[in-house]
Amino acid sequence: MNLSKKRRLQENLGSYMFLVPWLIGFFLLTLYPMGYSLYLSFTRFNIRTPPQWIGLNNYLVMFKGTETLSRDERFLNSMWVTFRFVFISVPVKLVFALVVAMLMNKKLRLIGLYRALYYIPTLLGGSVAIAVLWRRLFASDGLLNMILHTIFGLTNLPAWISNPTYALYTLILLAVWQFGSPMIIFLAGLQQIPREYYEASAVDGAGPIRQFFAITLPSLSPIIFFNFVMQMISAFQSFTQAFIVSGGSGGPLDSTMFYSLYLYIKGFGFSEMGYASAMAWVLLIIIAVLTAISFKSSGTLVSYGSGE
């Protein structure tokens, strides 16, 4: 028996050796930094001096303030801006992605080219170049205002990107424009739905709208749920667009101050690494709680085709 165990161990040694680089990376580049950032979140740390333990002060300042420090109103505003961005952009992006996926599911000439073209915004949308282009597009003398003035004769148009009323919605539009990734996933799901379902329902007199709500949506519910969770997590971490479009300030009037951007400003702009670490852990908790709620509520909304 011992010889058998020893032989199996020797046979698996190669597999264990392949795991070593991943384990080293996990412990040194993931687990240790996470643990250290959790420690820093309970300290006052500005890089130049050693961390000073202050307990829950960083967390108290975020939500209610302390005896010596008032509540961080910019933190609360960044949460409000981020929640608005997430809960507007994610549903709109998923609806748009599903509509385009259904169009791309048709048997058309050059359909492969069309699918590739619709996926390109996802590849480019998170780049600095596209953020700079977006900033110019919605400027006072940008292409949008030129079109509105030339075609509709409108005048006194605002600088959309510099107006606190509209600035956030330009970033929401940029996020929706990057619909390629969920579109591809929806397209894969649509192609897995048996055609017999639609043929049988057509015989019973069901039209396209009835088929969509009775067949397509229930069949796609696991994929819709997956896309929703992944896009929600990604949206909460949005940074590049707001940083470039606002010039790193979150303006105008903090209307594009995303949570991750404010975290960056506190950590690298003001060297408040302890406070930034606390913000990172609050963001982790927010995402974890919302993801857990999504999974909890998915039981009545998601159908896996097996009675679950």
C-alpha atoms as a PDB file:
ATOM      1  CA  MET A   1       0.000   0.000   0.000  1.00  0.00           C
ATOM      2  CA  ASN A   2       2.813   2.407   0.886  1.00  0.00           C
ATOM      3  CA  LEU A   3       4.604   1.531  -2.370  1.00  0.00           C
ATOM      4  CA  SER A   4       1.415   2.264  -4.283  1.00  0.00           C
ATOM      5  CA  LYS A   5       1.022   5.665  -2.638  1.00  0.00           C
ATOM      6  CA  LYS A   6       4.664   6.465  -3.286  1.00  0.00           C
ATOM      7  CA  ARG A   7       4.311   5.498  -6.947  1.00  0.00           C
ATOM      8  CA  ARG A   8       1.212   7.704  -7.361  1.00  0.00           C
ATOM      9  CA  LEU A   9       3.038  10.580  -5.696  1.00  0.00           C
ATOM     10  CA  GLN A  10       5.927  10.219  -8.103  1.00  0.00           C
ATOM     11  CA  GLU A  11       3.545  10.104 -11.058  1.00  0.00           C
ATOM     12  CA  ASN A  12       1.827  13.311  -9.899  1.00  0.00           C
ATOM     13  CA  LEU A  13       5.075  15.114  -9.104  1.00  0.00           C
ATOM     14  CA  GLY A  14       5.168  16.659 -12.570  1.00  0.00           C
ATOM     15  CA  SER A  15       1.668  18.065 -12.102  1.00  0.00           C
ATOM     16  CA  TYR A  16       2.613  19.540  -8.741  1.00  0.00           C
ATOM     17  CA  MET A  17       5.691  21.157 -10.249  1.00  0.00           C
ATOM     18  CA  PHE A  18       3.537  22.884 -12.867  1.00  0.00           C
ATOM     19  CA  LEU A  19       1.414  24.308 -10.046  1.00  0.00           C
ATOM     20  CA  VAL A  20       4.378  25.823  -8.211  1.00  0.00           C
ATOM     21  CA  PRO A  21       4.643  29.027 -10.344  1.00  0.00           C
ATOM     22  CA  TRP A  22       0.907  29.650  -9.954  1.00  0.00           C
ATOM     23  CA  LEU A  23       1.052  29.086  -6.188  1.00  0.00           C
ATOM     24  CA  ILE A  24       4.026  31.441  -5.856  1.00  0.00           C
ATOM     25  CA  GLY A  25       2.182  34.087  -7.866  1.00  0.00           C
ATOM     26  CA  PHE A  26      -1.011  33.585  -5.858  1.00  0.00           C
ATOM     27  CA  PHE A  27       0.651  33.937  -2.458  1.00  0.00           C
ATOM     28  CA  LEU A  28       3.138  36.692  -3.346  1.00  0.00           C
ATOM     29  CA  LEU A  29       1.119  38.745  -5.852  1.00  0.00           C
ATOM     30  CA  THR A  30      -2.453  38.224  -4.650  1.00  0.00           C
ATOM     31  CA  LEU A  31      -2.902  36.889  -1.128  1.00  0.00           C
ATOM     32  CA  TYR A  32      -0.069  38.823   0.549  1.00  0.00           C
ATOM     33  CA  PRO A  33      -0.991  42.200  -1.038  1.00  0.00           C
ATOM     34  CA  MET A  34      -4.625  41.676  -0.049  1.00  0.00           C
ATOM     35  CA  GLY A  35      -3.686  40.884   3.526  1.00  0.00           C
ATOM     36  CA  TYR A  36      -1.299  43.838   3.729  1.00  0.00           C
ATOM     37  CA  SER A  37      -3.888  46.231   2.283  1.00  0.00           C
ATOM     38  CA  LEU A  38      -6.374  45.027   4.913  1.00  0.00           C
ATOM     39  CA  TYR A  39      -3.811  45.889   7.592  1.00  0.00           C
ATOM     40  CA  LEU A  40      -3.132  49.289   5.990  1.00  0.00           C
ATOM     41  CA  SER A  41      -6.850  50.071   6.002  1.00  0.00           C
ATOM     42  CA  PHE A  42      -6.626  50.356   9.805  1.00  0.00           C
ATOM     43  CA  THR A  43      -3.620  52.698   9.674  1.00  0.00           C
ATOM     44  CA  ARG A  44      -2.600  56.211   8.697  1.00  0.00           C
ATOM     45  CA  PHE A  45       0.000  55.669   5.995  1.00  0.00           C
ATOM     46  CA  ASN A  46       1.377  58.261   3.585  1.00  0.00           C
ATOM     47  CA  ILE A  47       4.298  56.234   2.110  1.00  0.00           C
ATOM     48  CA  ARG A  48       6.933  58.566   3.570  1.00  0.00           C
ATOM     49  CA  THR A  49       6.412  57.402   7.158  1.00  0.00           C
ATOM     50  CA  PRO A  50       5.690  53.989   8.685  1.00  0.00           C
ATOM     51  CA  PRO A  51       1.996  52.998   9.066  1.00  0.00           C
ATOM     52  CA  GLN A  52       0.379  54.280  12.262  1.00  0.00           C
ATOM     53  CA  TRP A  53      -2.431  52.184  13.708  1.00  0.00           C
ATOM     54  CA  ILE A  54      -5.688  54.181  14.032  1.00  0.00           C
ATOM     55  CA  GLY A  55      -8.248  51.391  14.211  1.00  0.00           C
ATOM     56  CA  LEU A  56     -11.580  52.036  12.485  1.00  0.00           C
ATOM     57  CA  ASN A  57     -10.994  55.761  11.941  1.00  0.00           C
ATOM     58  CA  ASN A  58     -10.672  55.464   8.159  1.00  0.00           C
ATOM     59  CA  TYR A  59     -14.003  53.667   7.948  1.00  0.00           C
ATOM     60  CA  LEU A  60     -15.680  56.077  10.369  1.00  0.00           C
ATOM     61  CA  VAL A  61     -14.559  59.096   8.352  1.00  0.00           C
ATOM     62  CA  MET A  62     -16.186  57.621   5.251  1.00  0.00           C
ATOM     63  CA  PHE A  63     -19.665  57.307   6.713  1.00  0.00           C
ATOM     64  CA  LYS A  64     -20.101  59.394   9.865  1.00  0.00           C
ATOM     65  CA  GLY A  65     -16.916  61.217  10.807  1.00  0.00           C
ATOM     66  CA  THR A  66     -14.951  61.207  14.058  1.00  0.00           C
ATOM     67  CA  GLU A  67     -14.397  63.635  16.904  1.00  0.00           C
ATOM     68  CA  THR A  68     -11.551  65.301  15.007  1.00  0.00           C
ATOM     69  CA  LEU A  69     -12.513  64.675  11.365  1.00  0.00           C
ATOM     70  CA  SER A  70     -15.782  65.375   9.610  1.00  0.00           C
ATOM     71  CA  ARG A  71     -17.530  62.939   7.306  1.00  0.00           C
ATOM     72  CA  ASP A  72     -15.993  62.579   3.849  1.00  0.00           C
ATOM     73  CA  GLU A  73     -18.725  64.019   1.619  1.00  0.00           C
ATOM     74  CA  ARG A  74     -16.689  63.408  -1.555  1.00  0.00           C
ATOM     75  CA  PHE A  75     -16.569  59.704  -0.687  1.00  0.00           C
ATOM     76  CA  LEU A  76     -20.353  59.567  -0.351  1.00  0.00           C
ATOM     77  CA  ASN A  77     -20.721  61.488  -3.609  1.00  0.00           C
ATOM     78  CA  SER A  78     -18.388  59.040  -5.370  1.00  0.00           C
ATOM     79  CA  MET A  79     -20.583  56.183  -4.168  1.00  0.00           C
ATOM     80  CA  TRP A  80     -23.714  57.926  -5.454  1.00  0.00           C
ATOM     81  CA  VAL A  81     -22.115  58.655  -8.848  1.00  0.00           C
ATOM     82  CA  THR A  82     -20.844  55.084  -9.172  1.00  0.00           C
ATOM     83  CA  PHE A  83     -24.167  53.498  -8.236  1.00  0.00           C
ATOM     84  CA  ARG A  84     -25.959  55.662 -10.795  1.00  0.00           C
ATOM     85  CA  PHE A  85     -23.412  54.721 -13.425  1.00  0.00           C
ATOM     86  CA  VAL A  86     -23.660  50.989 -12.669  1.00  0.00           C
ATOM     87  CA  PHE A  87     -27.434  50.675 -12.432  1.00  0.00           C
ATOM     88  CA  ILE A  88     -28.085  52.717 -15.569  1.00  0.00           C
ATOM     89  CA  SER A  89     -25.260  51.556 -17.839  1.00  0.00           C
ATOM     90  CA  VAL A  90     -25.386  47.813 -17.109  1.00  0.00           C
ATOM     91  CA  PRO A  91     -29.097  47.171 -17.906  1.00  0.00           C
ATOM     92  CA  VAL A  92     -28.991  49.443 -20.974  1.00  0.00           C
ATOM     93  CA  LYS A  93     -25.822  47.748 -22.234  1.00  0.00           C
ATOM     94  CA  LEU A  94     -27.312  44.269 -21.768  1.00  0.00           C
ATOM     95  CA  VAL A  95     -30.541  45.205 -23.560  1.00  0.00           C
ATOM     96  CA  PHE A  96     -28.585  46.722 -26.430  1.00  0.00           C
ATOM     97  CA  ALA A  97     -26.234  43.722 -26.572  1.00  0.00           C
ATOM     98  CA  LEU A  98     -29.171  41.285 -26.667  1.00  0.00           C
ATOM     99  CA  VAL A  99     -30.897  43.199 -29.473  1.00  0.00           C
ATOM    100  CA  VAL A 100     -27.723  43.245 -31.567  1.00  0.00           C
ATOM    101  CA  ALA A 101     -27.048  39.564 -30.799  1.00  0.00           C
ATOM    102  CA  MET A 102     -30.492  38.631 -32.075  1.00  0.00           C
ATOM    103  CA  LEU A 103     -29.816  40.588 -35.267  1.00  0.00           C
ATOM    104  CA  MET A 104     -26.421  38.909 -35.620  1.00  0.00           C
ATOM    105  CA  ASN A 105     -28.074  35.505 -35.204  1.00  0.00           C
ATOM    106  CA  LYS A 106     -29.673  35.817 -38.624  1.00  0.00           C
ATOM    107  CA  LYS A 107     -28.296  34.012 -41.666  1.00  0.00           C
ATOM    108  CA  LEU A 108     -26.993  36.964 -43.644  1.00  0.00           C
ATOM    109  CA  ARG A 109     -24.177  37.469 -46.099  1.00  0.00           C
ATOM    110  CA  LEU A 110     -20.914  38.615 -44.480  1.00  0.00           C
ATOM    111  CA  ILE A 111     -22.419  37.925 -41.037  1.00  0.00           C
ATOM    112  CA  GLY A 112     -18.959  37.056 -39.682  1.00  0.00           C
ATOM    113  CA  LEU A 113     -17.664  40.474 -40.697  1.00  0.00           C
ATOM    114  CA  TYR A 114     -20.605  42.210 -39.035  1.00  0.00           C
ATOM    115  CA  ARG A 115     -20.014  40.315 -35.799  1.00  0.00           C
ATOM    116  CA  ALA A 116     -16.350  41.297 -35.809  1.00  0.00           C
ATOM    117  CA  LEU A 117     -17.186  44.948 -36.456  1.00  0.00           C
ATOM    118  CA  TYR A 118     -19.683  45.059 -33.596  1.00  0.00           C
ATOM    119  CA  TYR A 119     -17.105  43.533 -31.252  1.00  0.00           C
ATOM    120  CA  ILE A 120     -14.419  46.146 -32.036  1.00  0.00           C
ATOM    121  CA  PRO A 121     -15.810  48.801 -29.599  1.00  0.00           C
ATOM    122  CA  THR A 122     -15.202  46.415 -26.712  1.00  0.00           C
ATOM    123  CA  LEU A 123     -11.558  46.036 -27.734  1.00  0.00           C
ATOM    124  CA  LEU A 124     -11.039  49.789 -28.091  1.00  0.00           C
ATOM    125  CA  GLY A 125     -13.497  51.289 -25.612  1.00  0.00           C
ATOM    126  CA  GLY A 126     -11.309  50.993 -22.532  1.00  0.00           C
ATOM    127  CA  SER A 127      -8.293  52.631 -24.177  1.00  0.00           C
ATOM    128  CA  VAL A 128      -6.958  56.100 -23.432  1.00  0.00           C
ATOM    129  CA  ALA A 129      -7.263  57.063 -27.106  1.00  0.00           C
ATOM    130  CA  ILE A 130     -11.020  56.385 -27.184  1.00  0.00           C
ATOM    131  CA  ALA A 131     -11.516  58.334 -23.936  1.00  0.00           C
ATOM    132  CA  VAL A 132      -9.691  61.314 -25.465  1.00  0.00           C
ATOM    133  CA  LEU A 133     -11.799  60.969 -28.632  1.00  0.00           C
ATOM    134  CA  TRP A 134     -14.969  60.838 -26.516  1.00  0.00           C
ATOM    135  CA  ARG A 135     -13.915  64.011 -24.737  1.00  0.00           C
ATOM    136  CA  ARG A 136     -13.556  65.810 -28.063  1.00  0.00           C
ATOM    137  CA  LEU A 137     -16.777  64.332 -29.449  1.00  0.00           C
ATOM    138  CA  PHE A 138     -18.886  65.867 -26.664  1.00  0.00           C
ATOM    139  CA  ALA A 139     -16.985  69.155 -26.320  1.00  0.00           C
ATOM    140  CA  SER A 140     -18.699  72.487 -27.021  1.00  0.00           C
ATOM    141  CA  ASP A 141     -17.186  72.492 -30.513  1.00  0.00           C
ATOM    142  CA  GLY A 142     -17.328  68.709 -30.880  1.00  0.00           C
ATOM    143  CA  LEU A 143     -18.889  66.566 -33.569  1.00  0.00           C
ATOM    144  CA  LEU A 144     -22.196  66.075 -31.723  1.00  0.00           C
ATOM    145  CA  ASN A 145     -22.881  69.800 -31.446  1.00  0.00           C
ATOM    146  CA  MET A 146     -21.829  70.306 -35.061  1.00  0.00           C
ATOM    147  CA  ILE A 147     -24.361  67.692 -36.192  1.00  0.00           C
ATOM    148  CA  LEU A 148     -27.138  69.113 -34.002  1.00  0.00           C
ATOM    149  CA  HIS A 149     -26.451  72.613 -35.292  1.00  0.00           C
ATOM    150  CA  THR A 150     -26.107  71.638 -38.970  1.00  0.00           C
ATOM    151  CA  ILE A 151     -29.079  69.277 -39.234  1.00  0.00           C
ATOM    152  CA  PHE A 152     -31.533  70.675 -36.675  1.00  0.00           C
ATOM    153  CA  GLY A 153     -30.356  74.288 -36.503  1.00  0.00           C
ATOM    154  CA  LEU A 154     -29.933  74.180 -32.727  1.00  0.00           C
ATOM    155  CA  THR A 155     -27.861  76.879 -31.067  1.00  0.00           C
ATOM    156  CA  ASN A 156     -26.442  77.577 -27.608  1.00  0.00           C
ATOM    157  CA  LEU A 157     -25.692  73.881 -27.172  1.00  0.00           C
ATOM    158  CA  PRO A 158     -23.844  72.889 -23.987  1.00  0.00           C
ATOM    159  CA  ALA A 159     -20.414  71.355 -23.702  1.00  0.00           C
ATOM    160  CA  TRP A 160     -21.835  67.996 -22.736  1.00  0.00           C
ATOM    161  CA  ILE A 161     -18.650  66.674 -21.182  1.00  0.00           C
ATOM    162  CA  SER A 162     -18.131  69.866 -19.137  1.00  0.00           C
ATOM    163  CA  ASN A 163     -21.694  70.213 -17.905  1.00  0.00           C
ATOM    164  CA  PRO A 164     -22.378  68.509 -14.531  1.00  0.00           C
ATOM    165  CA  THR A 165     -25.933  67.718 -15.642  1.00  0.00           C
ATOM    166  CA  TYR A 166     -24.835  65.669 -18.666  1.00  0.00           C
ATOM    167  CA  ALA A 167     -21.219  64.627 -18.012  1.00  0.00           C
ATOM    168  CA  LEU A 168     -22.047  61.329 -16.322  1.00  0.00           C
ATOM    169  CA  TYR A 169     -24.438  60.342 -19.114  1.00  0.00           C
ATOM    170  CA  THR A 170     -21.706  60.747 -21.713  1.00  0.00           C
ATOM    171  CA  LEU A 171     -19.672  58.150 -19.788  1.00  0.00           C
ATOM    172  CA  ILE A 172     -22.744  55.910 -19.543  1.00  0.00           C
ATOM    173  CA  LEU A 173     -23.082  56.169 -23.320  1.00  0.00           C
ATOM    174  CA  LEU A 174     -19.414  55.218 -23.706  1.00  0.00           C
ATOM    175  CA  ALA A 175     -19.956  52.172 -21.472  1.00  0.00           C
ATOM    176  CA  VAL A 176     -23.033  51.094 -23.443  1.00  0.00           C
ATOM    177  CA  TRP A 177     -21.062  51.493 -26.685  1.00  0.00           C
ATOM    178  CA  GLN A 178     -18.724  48.747 -25.424  1.00  0.00           C
ATOM    179  CA  PHE A 179     -21.422  46.098 -25.765  1.00  0.00           C
ATOM    180  CA  GLY A 180     -19.384  43.597 -27.791  1.00  0.00           C
ATOM    181  CA  SER A 181     -18.431  41.205 -24.993  1.00  0.00           C
ATOM    182  CA  PRO A 182     -21.971  40.498 -23.681  1.00  0.00           C
ATOM    183  CA  MET A 183     -23.202  40.469 -27.279  1.00  0.00           C
ATOM    184  CA  ILE A 184     -20.873  37.592 -28.179  1.00  0.00           C
ATOM    185  CA  ILE A 185     -21.988  35.651 -25.099  1.00  0.00           C
ATOM    186  CA  PHE A 186     -25.655  36.271 -25.910  1.00  0.00           C
ATOM    187  CA  LEU A 187     -25.026  35.165 -29.495  1.00  0.00           C
ATOM    188  CA  ALA A 188     -23.502  31.888 -28.293  1.00  0.00           C
ATOM    189  CA  GLY A 189     -26.550  31.323 -26.085  1.00  0.00           C
ATOM    190  CA  LEU A 190     -28.998  32.069 -28.878  1.00  0.00           C
ATOM    191  CA  GLN A 191     -27.328  29.507 -31.108  1.00  0.00           C
ATOM    192  CA  GLN A 192     -27.805  26.840 -28.434  1.00  0.00           C
ATOM    193  CA  ILE A 193     -31.610  27.220 -28.358  1.00  0.00           C
ATOM    194  CA  PRO A 194     -33.121  24.371 -30.416  1.00  0.00           C
ATOM    195  CA  ARG A 195     -34.943  25.576 -33.509  1.00  0.00           C
ATOM    196  CA  GLU A 196     -37.654  22.998 -32.796  1.00  0.00           C
ATOM    197  CA  TYR A 197     -38.931  25.197 -29.953  1.00  0.00           C
ATOM    198  CA  TYR A 198     -39.670  28.056 -32.327  1.00  0.00           C
ATOM    199  CA  GLU A 199     -41.127  25.776 -35.008  1.00  0.00           C
ATOM    200  CA  ALA A 200     -43.479  24.099 -32.537  1.00  0.00           C
ATOM    201  CA  SER A 201     -44.607  27.437 -31.100  1.00  0.00           C
ATOM    202  CA  ALA A 202     -45.180  28.812 -34.619  1.00  0.00           C
ATOM    203  CA  VAL A 203     -47.475  25.870 -35.330  1.00  0.00           C
ATOM    204  CA  ASP A 204     -49.437  26.795 -32.196  1.00  0.00           C
ATOM    205  CA  GLY A 205     -49.798  30.335 -33.507  1.00  0.00           C
ATOM    206  CA  ALA A 206     -47.145  32.118 -31.424  1.00  0.00           C
ATOM    207  CA  GLY A 207     -45.714  35.250 -33.044  1.00  0.00           C
ATOM    208  CA  PRO A 208     -42.185  36.691 -32.657  1.00  0.00           C
ATOM    209  CA  ILE A 209     -43.017  38.674 -29.514  1.00  0.00           C
ATOM    210  CA  ARG A 210     -44.650  35.678 -27.825  1.00  0.00           C
ATOM    211  CA  GLN A 211     -41.692  33.488 -28.817  1.00  0.00           C
ATOM    212  CA  PHE A 212     -39.255  36.021 -27.387  1.00  0.00           C
ATOM    213  CA  PHE A 213     -40.886  36.097 -23.951  1.00  0.00           C
ATOM    214  CA  ALA A 214     -41.870  32.400 -23.815  1.00  0.00           C
ATOM    215  CA  ILE A 215     -38.755  30.804 -25.347  1.00  0.00           C
ATOM    216  CA  THR A 216     -35.832  33.171 -25.868  1.00  0.00           C
ATOM    217  CA  LEU A 217     -35.759  34.959 -22.509  1.00  0.00           C
ATOM    218  CA  PRO A 218     -36.260  31.833 -20.323  1.00  0.00           C
ATOM    219  CA  SER A 219     -33.640  29.933 -22.337  1.00  0.00           C
ATOM    220  CA  LEU A 220     -31.178  32.809 -22.043  1.00  0.00           C
ATOM    221  CA  SER A 221     -31.835  33.538 -18.361  1.00  0.00           C
ATOM    222  CA  PRO A 222     -28.598  31.871 -17.115  1.00  0.00           C
ATOM    223  CA  ILE A 223     -26.594  33.837 -19.679  1.00  0.00           C
ATOM    224  CA  ILE A 224     -28.404  37.070 -18.827  1.00  0.00           C
ATOM    225  CA  PHE A 225     -27.600  36.466 -15.184  1.00  0.00           C
ATOM    226  CA  PHE A 226     -23.932  35.739 -15.956  1.00  0.00           C
ATOM    227  CA  ASN A 227     -23.613  38.847 -18.118  1.00  0.00           C
ATOM    228  CA  PHE A 228     -25.321  40.979 -15.483  1.00  0.00           C
ATOM    229  CA  VAL A 229     -22.981  39.882 -12.690  1.00  0.00           C
ATOM    230  CA  MET A 230     -19.823  40.246 -14.796  1.00  0.00           C
ATOM    231  CA  GLN A 231     -20.813  43.637 -16.206  1.00  0.00           C
ATOM    232  CA  MET A 232     -21.842  44.905 -12.767  1.00  0.00           C
ATOM    233  CA  ILE A 233     -18.473  43.972 -11.272  1.00  0.00           C
ATOM    234  CA  SER A 234     -16.659  45.564 -14.200  1.00  0.00           C
ATOM    235  CA  ALA A 235     -18.737  48.756 -13.999  1.00  0.00           C
ATOM    236  CA  PHE A 236     -17.982  49.244 -10.312  1.00  0.00           C
ATOM    237  CA  GLN A 237     -14.280  49.213 -11.187  1.00  0.00           C
ATOM    238  CA  SER A 238     -14.518  51.699 -14.065  1.00  0.00           C
ATOM    239  CA  PHE A 239     -11.643  54.158 -13.972  1.00  0.00           C
ATOM    240  CA  THR A 240      -9.928  55.012 -17.267  1.00  0.00           C
ATOM    241  CA  GLN A 241     -12.834  56.794 -18.949  1.00  0.00           C
ATOM    242  CA  ALA A 242     -13.593  59.044 -15.977  1.00  0.00           C
ATOM    243  CA  PHE A 243      -9.906  59.760 -15.383  1.00  0.00           C
ATOM    244  CA  ILE A 244      -9.213  60.831 -18.977  1.00  0.00           C
ATOM    245  CA  VAL A 245     -12.491  62.605 -19.692  1.00  0.00           C
ATOM    246  CA  SER A 246     -12.402  64.623 -16.457  1.00  0.00           C
ATOM    247  CA  GLY A 247      -8.664  65.239 -16.597  1.00  0.00           C
ATOM    248  CA  GLY A 248      -8.188  63.195 -13.444  1.00  0.00           C
ATOM    249  CA  SER A 249     -10.307  65.525 -11.314  1.00  0.00           C
ATOM    250  CA  GLY A 250     -13.699  63.818 -11.440  1.00  0.00           C
ATOM    251  CA  GLY A 251     -15.238  67.053 -12.655  1.00  0.00           C
ATOM    252  CA  PRO A 252     -17.183  69.024 -13.429  1.00  0.00           C
ATOM    253  CA  LEU A 253     -18.283  69.482  -9.808  1.00  0.00           C
ATOM    254  CA  ASP A 254     -17.427  65.835  -9.045  1.00  0.00           C
ATOM    255  CA  SER A 255     -20.183  64.667 -11.399  1.00  0.00           C
ATOM    256  CA  THR A 256     -17.869  61.984 -12.853  1.00  0.00           C
ATOM    257  CA  MET A 257     -16.060  61.163  -9.612  1.00  0.00           C
ATOM    258  CA  PHE A 258     -16.223  57.392  -9.836  1.00  0.00           C
ATOM    259  CA  TYR A 259     -15.372  55.395  -6.736  1.00  0.00           C
ATOM    260  CA  SER A 260     -12.181  53.975  -8.233  1.00  0.00           C
ATOM    261  CA  LEU A 261     -11.114  57.440  -9.396  1.00  0.00           C
ATOM    262  CA  TYR A 262     -11.572  58.901  -5.912  1.00  0.00           C
ATOM    263  CA  LEU A 263      -9.660  55.941  -4.489  1.00  0.00           C
ATOM    264  CA  TYR A 264      -6.815  56.743  -6.897  1.00  0.00           C
ATOM    265  CA  ILE A 265      -6.874  60.441  -5.948  1.00  0.00           C
ATOM    266  CA  LYS A 266      -6.740  59.684  -2.226  1.00  0.00           C
ATOM    267  CA  GLY A 267      -3.995  57.086  -2.609  1.00  0.00           C
ATOM    268  CA  PHE A 268      -1.731  58.618  -5.233  1.00  0.00           C
ATOM    269  CA  GLY A 269      -2.837  62.257  -5.246  1.00  0.00           C
ATOM    270  CA  PHE A 270      -2.846  62.854  -1.484  1.00  0.00           C
ATOM    271  CA  SER A 271      -0.664  59.856  -0.486  1.00  0.00           C
ATOM    272  CA  GLU A 272      -3.349  58.636   1.922  1.00  0.00           C
ATOM    273  CA  MET A 273      -2.636  54.973   1.308  1.00  0.00           C
ATOM    274  CA  GLY A 274      -4.324  53.809   4.504  1.00  0.00           C
ATOM    275  CA  TYR A 275      -7.570  55.560   3.580  1.00  0.00           C
ATOM    276  CA  ALA A 276      -7.337  54.303  -0.009  1.00  0.00           C
ATOM    277  CA  SER A 277      -6.875  50.745   1.264  1.00  0.00           C
ATOM    278  CA  ALA A 278     -10.001  51.119   3.403  1.00  0.00           C
ATOM    279  CA  MET A 279     -11.887  52.356   0.344  1.00  0.00           C
ATOM    280  CA  ALA A 280     -10.706  49.330  -1.636  1.00  0.00           C
ATOM    281  CA  TRP A 281     -12.063  46.965   1.007  1.00  0.00           C
ATOM    282  CA  VAL A 282     -15.388  48.816   1.167  1.00  0.00           C
ATOM    283  CA  LEU A 283     -15.659  48.429  -2.605  1.00  0.00           C
ATOM    284  CA  LEU A 284     -14.881  44.715  -2.290  1.00  0.00           C
ATOM    285  CA  ILE A 285     -17.634  44.339   0.321  1.00  0.00           C
ATOM    286  CA  ILE A 286     -20.147  46.274  -1.814  1.00  0.00           C
ATOM    287  CA  ILE A 287     -19.461  44.103  -4.860  1.00  0.00           C
ATOM    288  CA  ALA A 288     -19.559  40.913  -2.768  1.00  0.00           C
ATOM    289  CA  VAL A 289     -22.883  41.850  -1.150  1.00  0.00           C
ATOM    290  CA  LEU A 290     -24.523  42.815  -4.445  1.00  0.00           C
ATOM    291  CA  THR A 291     -23.215  39.645  -6.095  1.00  0.00           C
ATOM    292  CA  ALA A 292     -24.541  37.545  -3.214  1.00  0.00           C
ATOM    293  CA  ILE A 293     -27.946  39.263  -3.489  1.00  0.00           C
ATOM    294  CA  SER A 294     -27.945  38.572  -7.228  1.00  0.00           C
ATOM    295  CA  PHE A 295     -27.236  34.885  -6.680  1.00  0.00           C
ATOM    296  CA  LYS A 296     -29.847  34.703  -3.929  1.00  0.00           C
ATOM    297  CA  SER A 297     -32.537  36.243  -6.129  1.00  0.00           C
ATOM    298  CA  SER A 298     -31.548  34.211  -9.196  1.00  0.00           C
ATOM    299  CA  GLY A 299     -33.397  31.161  -7.910  1.00  0.00           C
ATOM    300  CA  THR A 300     -36.773  32.552  -8.993  1.00  0.00           C
ATOM    301  CA  LEU A 301     -35.529  34.361 -12.098  1.00  0.00           C
ATOM    302  CA  VAL A 302     -33.063  31.983 -13.722  1.00  0.00           C
ATOM    303  CA  SER A 303     -34.106  28.721 -15.384  1.00  0.00           C
ATOM    304  CA  TYR A 304     -31.438  26.108 -16.084  1.00  0.00           C
ATOM    305  CA  GLY A 305     -33.750  23.804 -17.984  1.00  0.00           C
ATOM    306  CA  SER A 306     -33.580  21.065 -15.365  1.00  0.00           C
ATOM    307  CA  GLY A 307     -36.265  22.181 -12.941  1.00  0.00           C
ATOM    308  CA  GLU A 308     -33.805  24.300 -10.924  1.00  0.00           C
END
